[in-house]
Amino acid sequence: MRRRISVALLLLLWTAFAARAQDWRSGTDSRIELMSILFRLAGNKEYHQCRIPAYDKAIDSYFAPYRDHEAVRLARSLGVGFDAPMKLAVYVRDAKSLDELVPFDRQGVHLFQNWNAAKAREFLSAARRFAADTNFQSFLKSQQPLFDATNTRLQTFIEKADLGWFTRFFAPPSPARLVVIAGMANGASSYAVHLVDGPAAQESYAIPGVSKVDPEGLPVFDSAWRTTMVHELTHVYANVPIKAMAPMEKAVRQIYESVAPAMQRQSYGNWRTVLNESLSRAATIEYVREHDGPEAARVVIRQENSRSFFWMSGLVNLLGTYRNSREQYPTFDSFLPRVTEYFNGVAPRMHELTDRLQPKVVSTSIQDGARGVDPGVKTMVVRFSMPMNKAGPFKDSKLNGGRFDQTGTVLTIPVTLEPARDYVFPLRWSGGQPLVSADGVPLAAALLRFHTGAASSPKQK
């Protein structure tokens, strides 16, 4: 039985519609904005990425006097971030009262691991005073034209997004109400969170951040935003049940360990997270394949390779087997044994996959660790295992004046050396960003260390 909650209490504006008997809602959410702003003021980098210029400026201007408010200090001390503030947001009734939508200490309620009931209530008490002291409702009213325009655009966008695909593809029992929120202050950061009251989720939220605006400064909802939204929604369906994880643990642990640094940079700190991310990303690519075609799907696969999900192509092919064998596999859960087989097969091949997809330094004209290098050498040549992206991430990105050859596999860097000195050359762009292959896969961190000799050789190299 679906829970009926007052629209007026929950959101600035909701748009509700049905898709194959499934309830969907979309819109901006004042609870999300309040938590985003609080943790922005607290200094969380992931909440300081607003891409809507006028809104970003309005937040800075309006809340500048409250940067040391009690609620901000408490948010700073909690040591939480990313999806934790978003999860707490969906557990409160509205941005004014901040009342518990369900009792936090009720059995079956699962807040973020660092939010126990007492700690959450202490923070919400301070946040309630913050909302009153700042007259947060007045701020929301000042931004109402932006919210209205956003909601209108989002409604039109969602109505064309074929959200019924999820039940067609995953074929689960009727899931929780699904909610799509535009994270106005969140920029590129996106989240999936669930309101759980008892044995199952009551509402599941996709909260893609708004990362692009038009010349008028209004949010743009395009195919890239749709892919992010679909990815967040797939977490509702594709997350592997705990009991089904056990047969996969050994293999996925091995896979995770082979790419752990890259995963940790993306805040994926354990094998369970990477398992669920893998299936959500593969399912997202299935959606893209059906709606935008095979080439668009291949583009997303390359993007996943760039994030070190090197097993994605094979996993997507496996989901093609599921798609074409629905009589044998009527639900996604019924197909999980095949997923287990796949990961068990991938684990011993991870070295092969990384060798094939991740760029490596094949040779350097000055060897790493060399001693007595001729200080008269004028260039250093680096050869890569595959074509590299010859342009840096920014217009002013440089490689100490270095240039790639036409193939993108050879990099020549001019050097000016002095006798009897130690040198360390990091192989990265001037801004610190890693070199990446033509397909966007980052080069593992590489440093070239050497020591020059006492005098120059007669010959210049």
Protein backbone atom coordinates (compact mmCIF):
# COMPACT_ATOMS: atom_id res chain seq x y z
CA MET A 1 0.00 0.00 0.00
CA ARG A 2 1.48 3.30 -1.06
CA ARG A 3 2.10 5.96 1.54
CA ARG A 4 0.31 9.25 0.80
CA ILE A 5 2.27 12.28 1.90
CA SER A 6 1.21 15.88 1.55
CA VAL A 7 2.83 17.42 -1.48
CA ALA A 8 2.71 20.85 0.10
CA LEU A 9 4.74 19.68 3.06
CA LEU A 10 7.42 17.90 1.10
CA LEU A 11 8.48 20.02 -1.82
CA LEU A 12 8.56 23.38 -3.45
CA LEU A 13 6.81 21.76 -6.36
CA TRP A 14 6.19 18.14 -7.25
CA THR A 15 5.12 16.79 -10.57
CA ALA A 16 3.53 13.38 -10.27
CA PHE A 17 2.74 10.92 -13.00
CA ALA A 18 2.32 7.21 -13.46
CA ALA A 19 4.37 4.74 -15.50
CA ARG A 20 3.02 1.20 -15.71
CA ALA A 21 1.25 1.51 -12.36
CA GLN A 22 4.46 2.87 -10.77
CA ASP A 23 4.34 6.23 -9.00
CA TRP A 24 6.98 8.76 -10.03
CA ARG A 25 7.59 12.24 -8.77
CA SER A 26 10.03 14.87 -9.90
CA GLY A 27 11.00 18.37 -8.91
CA THR A 28 13.22 20.54 -6.78
CA ASP A 29 13.23 19.71 -3.08
CA SER A 30 13.75 22.28 -0.33
CA ARG A 31 15.04 19.59 2.07
CA ILE A 32 17.79 18.67 -0.38
CA GLU A 33 18.73 22.32 -0.88
CA LEU A 34 18.90 22.99 2.85
CA MET A 35 21.25 20.07 3.49
CA SER A 36 23.37 20.91 0.45
CA ILE A 37 23.79 24.50 1.63
CA LEU A 38 24.60 23.49 5.22
CA PHE A 39 27.34 21.11 4.15
CA ARG A 40 28.61 23.61 1.60
CA LEU A 41 29.03 26.13 4.42
CA ALA A 42 30.71 23.39 6.46
CA GLY A 43 33.40 23.10 3.79
CA ASN A 44 32.52 19.80 2.11
CA LYS A 45 34.07 20.05 -1.36
CA GLU A 46 31.41 17.82 -2.92
CA TYR A 47 28.80 20.38 -1.85
CA HIS A 48 30.69 23.35 -3.24
CA GLN A 49 30.16 22.65 -6.95
CA CYS A 50 27.03 24.63 -7.82
CA ARG A 51 27.00 25.21 -11.59
CA ILE A 52 24.04 27.63 -11.74
CA PRO A 53 25.81 31.01 -11.62
CA ALA A 54 22.97 33.14 -10.23
CA TYR A 55 22.02 30.50 -7.65
CA ASP A 56 25.64 29.99 -6.62
CA LYS A 57 26.06 33.74 -6.12
CA ALA A 58 22.75 33.97 -4.22
CA ILE A 59 23.83 31.22 -1.79
CA ASP A 60 27.15 32.93 -1.12
CA SER A 61 25.55 36.32 -0.61
CA TYR A 62 22.57 35.25 1.49
CA PHE A 63 24.32 32.81 3.82
CA ALA A 64 27.71 34.53 4.22
CA PRO A 65 26.79 35.88 7.70
CA TYR A 66 25.98 32.35 8.90
CA ARG A 67 29.20 30.49 8.03
CA ASP A 68 29.93 29.97 11.72
CA HIS A 69 26.39 29.10 12.76
CA GLU A 70 26.02 26.33 15.33
CA ALA A 71 24.51 23.99 12.69
CA VAL A 72 27.42 24.63 10.32
CA ARG A 73 29.97 23.93 13.05
CA LEU A 74 28.16 20.72 13.96
CA ALA A 75 27.99 19.63 10.31
CA ARG A 76 31.72 20.26 10.08
CA SER A 77 32.42 18.15 13.16
CA LEU A 78 30.37 15.14 12.10
CA GLY A 79 32.88 13.98 9.49
CA VAL A 80 30.20 12.90 7.02
CA GLY A 81 29.57 13.87 3.43
CA PHE A 82 28.56 12.69 -0.02
CA ASP A 83 25.24 10.79 0.25
CA ALA A 84 24.89 11.11 4.07
CA PRO A 85 23.35 14.64 4.02
CA MET A 86 21.05 13.61 1.16
CA LYS A 87 19.93 10.53 3.04
CA LEU A 88 19.10 12.54 6.14
CA ALA A 89 17.18 15.03 3.97
CA VAL A 90 14.71 12.44 2.72
CA TYR A 91 14.02 11.29 6.28
CA VAL A 92 12.62 14.68 7.35
CA ARG A 93 9.12 15.90 6.60
CA ASP A 94 9.93 19.36 5.24
CA ALA A 95 12.62 22.04 5.34
CA LYS A 96 10.76 24.18 7.86
CA SER A 97 9.90 21.79 10.68
CA LEU A 98 12.63 19.19 9.98
CA ASP A 99 10.42 16.70 11.80
CA GLU A 100 11.21 13.02 11.46
CA LEU A 101 9.18 11.55 8.64
CA VAL A 102 9.51 8.18 10.36
CA PRO A 103 10.98 7.70 13.86
CA PHE A 104 14.73 7.37 13.50
CA ASP A 105 14.94 4.71 16.20
CA ARG A 106 12.18 2.54 14.77
CA GLN A 107 13.32 -0.96 13.88
CA GLY A 108 14.05 -1.22 10.18
CA VAL A 109 15.02 2.45 9.74
CA HIS A 110 18.53 2.67 8.32
CA LEU A 111 20.19 6.05 8.39
CA PHE A 112 23.75 6.51 7.14
CA GLN A 113 26.17 4.49 9.28
CA ASN A 114 27.41 7.62 11.10
CA TRP A 115 23.88 8.93 11.73
CA ASN A 116 22.54 7.22 14.82
CA ALA A 117 19.19 8.52 16.06
CA ALA A 118 20.64 10.69 18.83
CA LYS A 119 23.30 12.27 16.60
CA ALA A 120 20.79 12.93 13.81
CA ARG A 121 18.36 14.57 16.22
CA GLU A 122 21.07 16.78 17.69
CA PHE A 123 22.07 17.95 14.22
CA LEU A 124 18.46 18.51 13.11
CA SER A 125 17.81 20.58 16.21
CA ALA A 126 20.68 22.87 15.20
CA ALA A 127 19.57 22.82 11.56
CA ARG A 128 16.07 23.85 12.66
CA ARG A 129 17.58 26.90 14.37
CA PHE A 130 19.64 27.60 11.25
CA ALA A 131 16.50 27.57 9.09
CA ALA A 132 14.80 29.98 11.49
CA ASP A 133 17.80 32.27 12.03
CA THR A 134 18.48 32.58 8.31
CA ASN A 135 14.79 32.78 7.39
CA PHE A 136 15.44 29.95 4.96
CA GLN A 137 11.89 30.15 3.67
CA SER A 138 12.58 33.72 2.53
CA PHE A 139 15.62 32.50 0.59
CA LEU A 140 13.51 29.81 -1.07
CA LYS A 141 10.90 32.41 -2.01
CA SER A 142 13.59 34.59 -3.60
CA GLN A 143 14.61 31.63 -5.79
CA GLN A 144 11.08 30.55 -6.69
CA PRO A 145 11.28 31.72 -10.35
CA LEU A 146 14.38 29.54 -10.81
CA PHE A 147 12.70 26.57 -9.12
CA ASP A 148 9.54 27.00 -11.19
CA ALA A 149 11.47 27.13 -14.47
CA THR A 150 13.50 24.10 -13.41
CA ASN A 151 10.42 22.08 -12.48
CA THR A 152 8.71 22.85 -15.77
CA ARG A 153 11.77 21.76 -17.75
CA LEU A 154 12.25 18.67 -15.62
CA GLN A 155 8.63 17.59 -16.02
CA THR A 156 8.86 17.84 -19.81
CA PHE A 157 12.16 15.97 -19.75
CA ILE A 158 10.97 13.14 -17.48
CA GLU A 159 7.80 12.56 -19.47
CA LYS A 160 9.98 11.66 -22.48
CA ALA A 161 12.50 9.54 -20.56
CA ASP A 162 10.66 6.18 -20.69
CA LEU A 163 10.92 5.48 -16.99
CA GLY A 164 8.78 2.39 -17.53
CA TRP A 165 11.95 0.77 -18.91
CA PHE A 166 13.07 -0.08 -15.38
CA THR A 167 10.17 -2.41 -14.63
CA ARG A 168 10.37 -3.90 -18.13
CA PHE A 169 14.07 -4.65 -17.81
CA PHE A 170 14.36 -5.68 -14.18
CA ALA A 171 10.86 -7.13 -13.79
CA PRO A 172 10.74 -6.81 -9.99
CA PRO A 173 7.64 -6.76 -7.82
CA SER A 174 6.18 -3.28 -7.60
CA PRO A 175 8.99 -1.24 -6.03
CA ALA A 176 8.89 1.84 -3.86
CA ARG A 177 7.78 5.16 -5.23
CA LEU A 178 10.64 6.56 -7.31
CA VAL A 179 11.55 10.23 -7.06
CA VAL A 180 13.77 12.31 -9.34
CA ILE A 181 15.24 15.46 -7.78
CA ALA A 182 17.34 18.11 -9.47
CA GLY A 183 20.19 18.83 -7.05
CA MET A 184 20.35 22.55 -7.68
CA ALA A 185 23.33 23.31 -5.43
CA ASN A 186 25.18 20.04 -6.05
CA GLY A 187 26.81 20.63 -9.42
CA ALA A 188 28.39 17.47 -10.79
CA SER A 189 27.71 15.33 -7.70
CA SER A 190 24.80 12.90 -7.92
CA TYR A 191 23.28 10.52 -5.40
CA ALA A 192 20.81 7.67 -4.93
CA VAL A 193 19.18 7.34 -1.50
CA HIS A 194 16.24 5.45 -0.04
CA LEU A 195 13.59 6.18 2.57
CA VAL A 196 13.26 2.89 4.46
CA ASP A 197 10.56 2.26 7.04
CA GLY A 198 10.38 -1.44 7.86
CA PRO A 199 11.50 -4.31 5.63
CA ALA A 200 11.42 -2.39 2.35
CA ALA A 201 12.03 1.06 0.92
CA GLN A 202 9.01 3.36 0.79
CA GLU A 203 10.63 5.91 -1.53
CA SER A 204 13.78 5.73 -3.64
CA TYR A 205 15.44 8.92 -4.80
CA ALA A 206 17.68 9.76 -7.74
CA ILE A 207 19.33 13.14 -7.08
CA PRO A 208 21.46 14.07 -10.10
CA GLY A 209 23.19 17.39 -9.67
CA VAL A 210 22.60 20.18 -12.17
CA SER A 211 25.90 20.45 -14.03
CA LYS A 212 24.93 22.44 -17.11
CA VAL A 213 22.98 25.64 -17.77
CA ASP A 214 21.81 27.45 -20.90
CA PRO A 215 22.76 31.05 -21.85
CA GLU A 216 19.95 32.27 -19.57
CA GLY A 217 21.49 30.42 -16.62
CA LEU A 218 18.69 27.86 -16.38
CA PRO A 219 19.32 24.13 -15.85
CA VAL A 220 19.76 21.98 -18.94
CA PHE A 221 18.39 18.44 -18.88
CA ASP A 222 20.01 16.62 -21.79
CA SER A 223 21.09 13.10 -22.72
CA ALA A 224 24.10 13.28 -20.37
CA TRP A 225 21.85 14.29 -17.45
CA ARG A 226 19.45 11.51 -18.39
CA THR A 227 22.30 8.96 -18.29
CA THR A 228 23.24 10.16 -14.81
CA MET A 229 19.60 10.00 -13.71
CA VAL A 230 19.21 6.48 -15.10
CA HIS A 231 22.40 5.41 -13.33
CA GLU A 232 21.09 6.63 -9.99
CA LEU A 233 17.70 4.97 -10.55
CA THR A 234 19.28 1.64 -11.49
CA HIS A 235 20.64 1.46 -7.94
CA VAL A 236 17.03 0.90 -6.85
CA TYR A 237 16.87 -2.31 -8.88
CA ALA A 238 20.39 -3.54 -9.59
CA ASN A 239 21.92 -3.60 -6.10
CA VAL A 240 22.78 -7.18 -5.27
CA PRO A 241 20.97 -8.65 -2.23
CA ILE A 242 23.32 -9.49 0.64
CA LYS A 243 22.62 -13.23 0.37
CA ALA A 244 23.58 -13.19 -3.33
CA MET A 245 26.89 -11.41 -2.66
CA ALA A 246 28.58 -14.32 -0.90
CA PRO A 247 29.32 -16.40 -4.03
CA MET A 248 30.80 -13.29 -5.70
CA GLU A 249 32.93 -12.03 -2.81
CA LYS A 250 36.24 -13.75 -3.56
CA ALA A 251 36.25 -12.78 -7.24
CA VAL A 252 35.05 -9.21 -6.79
CA ARG A 253 37.52 -8.65 -3.95
CA GLN A 254 40.30 -9.70 -6.32
CA ILE A 255 38.97 -7.39 -9.03
CA TYR A 256 38.68 -4.52 -6.58
CA GLU A 257 42.22 -4.95 -5.29
CA SER A 258 43.60 -4.67 -8.82
CA VAL A 259 42.02 -1.22 -9.31
CA ALA A 260 41.69 -0.07 -5.69
CA PRO A 261 43.51 3.30 -6.02
CA ALA A 262 41.32 4.35 -8.96
CA MET A 263 38.16 3.24 -7.14
CA GLN A 264 39.12 4.99 -3.93
CA ARG A 265 39.64 8.24 -5.82
CA GLN A 266 35.97 7.91 -6.81
CA SER A 267 34.99 7.25 -3.17
CA TYR A 268 34.29 3.56 -3.83
CA GLY A 269 35.94 2.13 -0.77
CA ASN A 270 35.13 -1.57 -0.89
CA TRP A 271 34.31 -4.47 -3.18
CA ARG A 272 30.58 -4.43 -2.35
CA THR A 273 30.25 -0.86 -3.58
CA VAL A 274 32.14 -1.67 -6.77
CA LEU A 275 29.95 -4.73 -7.38
CA ASN A 276 26.76 -2.67 -7.12
CA GLU A 277 28.28 0.16 -9.14
CA SER A 278 29.28 -2.30 -11.87
CA LEU A 279 25.77 -3.66 -12.27
CA SER A 280 24.17 -0.22 -12.10
CA ARG A 281 26.55 1.09 -14.76
CA ALA A 282 26.04 -1.93 -17.02
CA ALA A 283 22.26 -1.58 -16.72
CA THR A 284 22.55 2.13 -17.54
CA ILE A 285 24.44 1.23 -20.72
CA GLU A 286 21.61 -1.19 -21.59
CA TYR A 287 19.18 1.72 -21.29
CA VAL A 288 21.40 3.88 -23.50
CA ARG A 289 21.72 1.09 -26.08
CA GLU A 290 17.94 0.70 -26.32
CA HIS A 291 17.16 4.41 -26.46
CA ASP A 292 20.17 5.93 -28.25
CA GLY A 293 21.70 3.04 -30.17
CA PRO A 294 24.82 0.83 -30.03
CA GLU A 295 27.33 3.59 -30.78
CA ALA A 296 26.06 5.72 -27.90
CA ALA A 297 26.40 2.66 -25.67
CA ARG A 298 29.98 2.13 -26.82
CA VAL A 299 30.77 5.75 -25.91
CA VAL A 300 29.54 5.14 -22.36
CA ILE A 301 31.56 1.92 -22.15
CA ARG A 302 34.68 3.89 -23.06
CA GLN A 303 33.79 6.38 -20.35
CA GLU A 304 33.54 3.52 -17.86
CA ASN A 305 36.93 2.22 -18.98
CA SER A 306 38.31 5.68 -18.22
CA ARG A 307 37.06 5.20 -14.65
CA SER A 308 38.89 1.83 -14.50
CA PHE A 309 35.75 -0.33 -14.80
CA PHE A 310 37.70 -2.39 -17.32
CA TRP A 311 35.26 -5.33 -17.17
CA MET A 312 32.30 -3.24 -18.33
CA SER A 313 32.22 -4.32 -21.98
CA GLY A 314 31.95 -7.99 -21.05
CA LEU A 315 29.35 -7.28 -18.37
CA VAL A 316 27.21 -5.33 -20.84
CA ASN A 317 27.46 -8.22 -23.30
CA LEU A 318 26.30 -10.53 -20.51
CA LEU A 319 23.26 -8.35 -19.88
CA GLY A 320 22.53 -8.74 -23.58
CA THR A 321 22.14 -12.46 -22.87
CA TYR A 322 19.68 -11.60 -20.11
CA ARG A 323 17.77 -9.26 -22.42
CA ASN A 324 17.47 -11.91 -25.12
CA SER A 325 16.58 -14.82 -22.80
CA ARG A 326 13.73 -13.50 -20.70
CA GLU A 327 11.80 -16.76 -20.80
CA GLN A 328 14.75 -18.43 -19.09
CA TYR A 329 15.51 -15.41 -16.86
CA PRO A 330 12.20 -13.68 -16.10
CA THR A 331 13.71 -11.30 -13.52
CA PHE A 332 17.08 -9.65 -12.98
CA ASP A 333 17.50 -11.52 -9.69
CA SER A 334 17.09 -14.83 -11.50
CA PHE A 335 20.07 -13.90 -13.68
CA LEU A 336 22.49 -13.19 -10.80
CA PRO A 337 24.05 -16.71 -10.89
CA ARG A 338 25.27 -15.87 -14.41
CA VAL A 339 26.72 -12.62 -13.06
CA THR A 340 28.57 -14.65 -10.43
CA GLU A 341 30.02 -16.87 -13.18
CA TYR A 342 31.11 -13.79 -15.10
CA PHE A 343 33.01 -12.20 -12.20
CA ASN A 344 34.60 -15.54 -11.33
CA GLY A 345 35.92 -15.61 -14.89
CA VAL A 346 37.06 -11.98 -14.92
CA ALA A 347 39.06 -12.05 -11.69
CA PRO A 348 41.98 -14.16 -13.02
CA ARG A 349 42.04 -12.05 -16.23
CA MET A 350 42.30 -8.63 -14.61
CA HIS A 351 45.99 -8.34 -15.48
CA GLU A 352 45.13 -9.02 -19.12
CA LEU A 353 42.32 -6.45 -19.09
CA THR A 354 44.43 -3.71 -17.54
CA ASP A 355 47.29 -4.44 -19.94
CA ARG A 356 44.93 -4.10 -22.88
CA LEU A 357 43.00 -1.03 -21.73
CA GLN A 358 45.27 0.98 -19.43
CA PRO A 359 48.14 2.99 -20.95
CA LYS A 360 51.66 2.29 -19.73
CA VAL A 361 55.07 3.81 -20.23
CA VAL A 362 56.96 1.45 -22.55
CA SER A 363 60.32 3.23 -22.49
CA THR A 364 62.02 6.53 -21.70
CA SER A 365 65.18 7.89 -23.30
CA ILE A 366 66.46 8.59 -19.79
CA GLN A 367 65.87 5.53 -17.68
CA ASP A 368 64.19 5.81 -14.31
CA GLY A 369 66.85 5.66 -11.59
CA ALA A 370 69.70 6.40 -13.99
CA ARG A 371 72.91 7.88 -12.61
CA GLY A 372 75.45 9.97 -14.47
CA VAL A 373 72.98 11.26 -17.05
CA ASP A 374 74.63 13.65 -19.49
CA PRO A 375 73.57 17.19 -18.43
CA GLY A 376 73.93 18.24 -22.07
CA VAL A 377 70.85 16.21 -23.04
CA LYS A 378 68.23 18.58 -24.46
CA THR A 379 65.19 16.31 -24.84
CA MET A 380 63.58 13.41 -23.06
CA VAL A 381 61.47 10.95 -25.08
CA VAL A 382 58.68 8.89 -23.53
CA ARG A 383 56.97 6.07 -25.44
CA PHE A 384 53.52 4.78 -24.45
CA SER A 385 51.80 1.45 -25.02
CA MET A 386 48.86 3.06 -26.84
CA PRO A 387 47.80 6.42 -28.35
CA MET A 388 47.36 9.12 -25.73
CA ASN A 389 45.07 12.11 -25.59
CA LYS A 390 47.33 14.87 -26.90
CA ALA A 391 45.35 17.74 -25.35
CA GLY A 392 45.24 18.51 -21.64
CA PRO A 393 42.06 19.01 -19.64
CA PHE A 394 42.41 22.79 -19.69
CA LYS A 395 43.38 25.29 -22.38
CA ASP A 396 46.57 26.19 -20.54
CA SER A 397 47.57 22.58 -19.75
CA LYS A 398 51.22 21.99 -20.58
CA LEU A 399 53.82 19.25 -20.35
CA ASN A 400 56.88 21.41 -19.71
CA GLY A 401 56.66 22.38 -23.37
CA GLY A 402 56.46 18.74 -24.45
CA ARG A 403 54.64 17.54 -27.55
CA PHE A 404 53.18 14.28 -28.73
CA ASP A 405 53.96 12.92 -32.17
CA GLN A 406 51.23 12.34 -34.74
CA THR A 407 50.45 8.85 -33.42
CA GLY A 408 50.04 10.04 -29.84
CA THR A 409 52.37 7.29 -28.62
CA VAL A 410 55.60 9.31 -28.39
CA LEU A 411 56.06 12.35 -26.15
CA THR A 412 59.13 14.55 -26.52
CA ILE A 413 59.86 16.90 -23.63
CA PRO A 414 62.58 19.59 -23.85
CA VAL A 415 64.80 19.66 -20.77
CA THR A 416 67.48 21.95 -19.41
CA LEU A 417 69.73 20.03 -17.03
CA GLU A 418 72.51 21.00 -14.69
CA PRO A 419 75.46 18.85 -13.65
CA ALA A 420 75.39 16.71 -10.50
CA ARG A 421 71.75 17.20 -9.64
CA ASP A 422 68.81 14.97 -8.79
CA TYR A 423 65.73 15.35 -11.01
CA VAL A 424 62.15 14.16 -10.62
CA PHE A 425 59.82 14.46 -13.63
CA PRO A 426 56.14 13.65 -12.97
CA LEU A 427 54.42 12.44 -16.15
CA ARG A 428 51.28 14.54 -15.88
CA TRP A 429 49.79 17.81 -17.06
CA SER A 430 50.88 21.08 -15.51
CA GLY A 431 47.69 21.27 -13.40
CA GLY A 432 48.45 17.88 -11.85
CA GLN A 433 45.91 15.95 -13.93
CA PRO A 434 47.05 12.53 -15.17
CA LEU A 435 47.81 11.78 -18.79
CA VAL A 436 45.06 9.69 -20.34
CA SER A 437 44.78 7.41 -23.34
CA ALA A 438 42.84 8.43 -26.43
CA ASP A 439 39.91 6.53 -24.85
CA GLY A 440 40.26 8.48 -21.63
CA VAL A 441 41.85 5.79 -19.44
CA PRO A 442 44.30 7.42 -17.01
CA LEU A 443 47.97 6.54 -16.91
CA ALA A 444 48.97 5.17 -13.52
CA ALA A 445 50.95 7.74 -11.53
CA ALA A 446 54.46 7.81 -13.00
CA LEU A 447 57.60 9.62 -11.86
CA LEU A 448 60.92 9.63 -13.69
CA ARG A 449 63.88 10.05 -11.31
CA PHE A 450 67.53 10.40 -12.36
CA HIS A 451 70.83 12.05 -11.43
CA THR A 452 73.03 14.00 -13.83
CA GLY A 453 76.76 13.53 -14.14
CA ALA A 454 79.41 16.05 -13.21
CA ALA A 455 80.04 17.48 -16.68
CA SER A 456 78.45 17.64 -20.10
CA SER A 457 79.41 15.25 -22.82
CA PRO A 458 80.95 16.86 -25.94
CA LYS A 459 77.96 15.65 -27.94
CA GLN A 460 74.52 17.15 -27.50
CA LYS A 461 71.64 14.75 -27.63
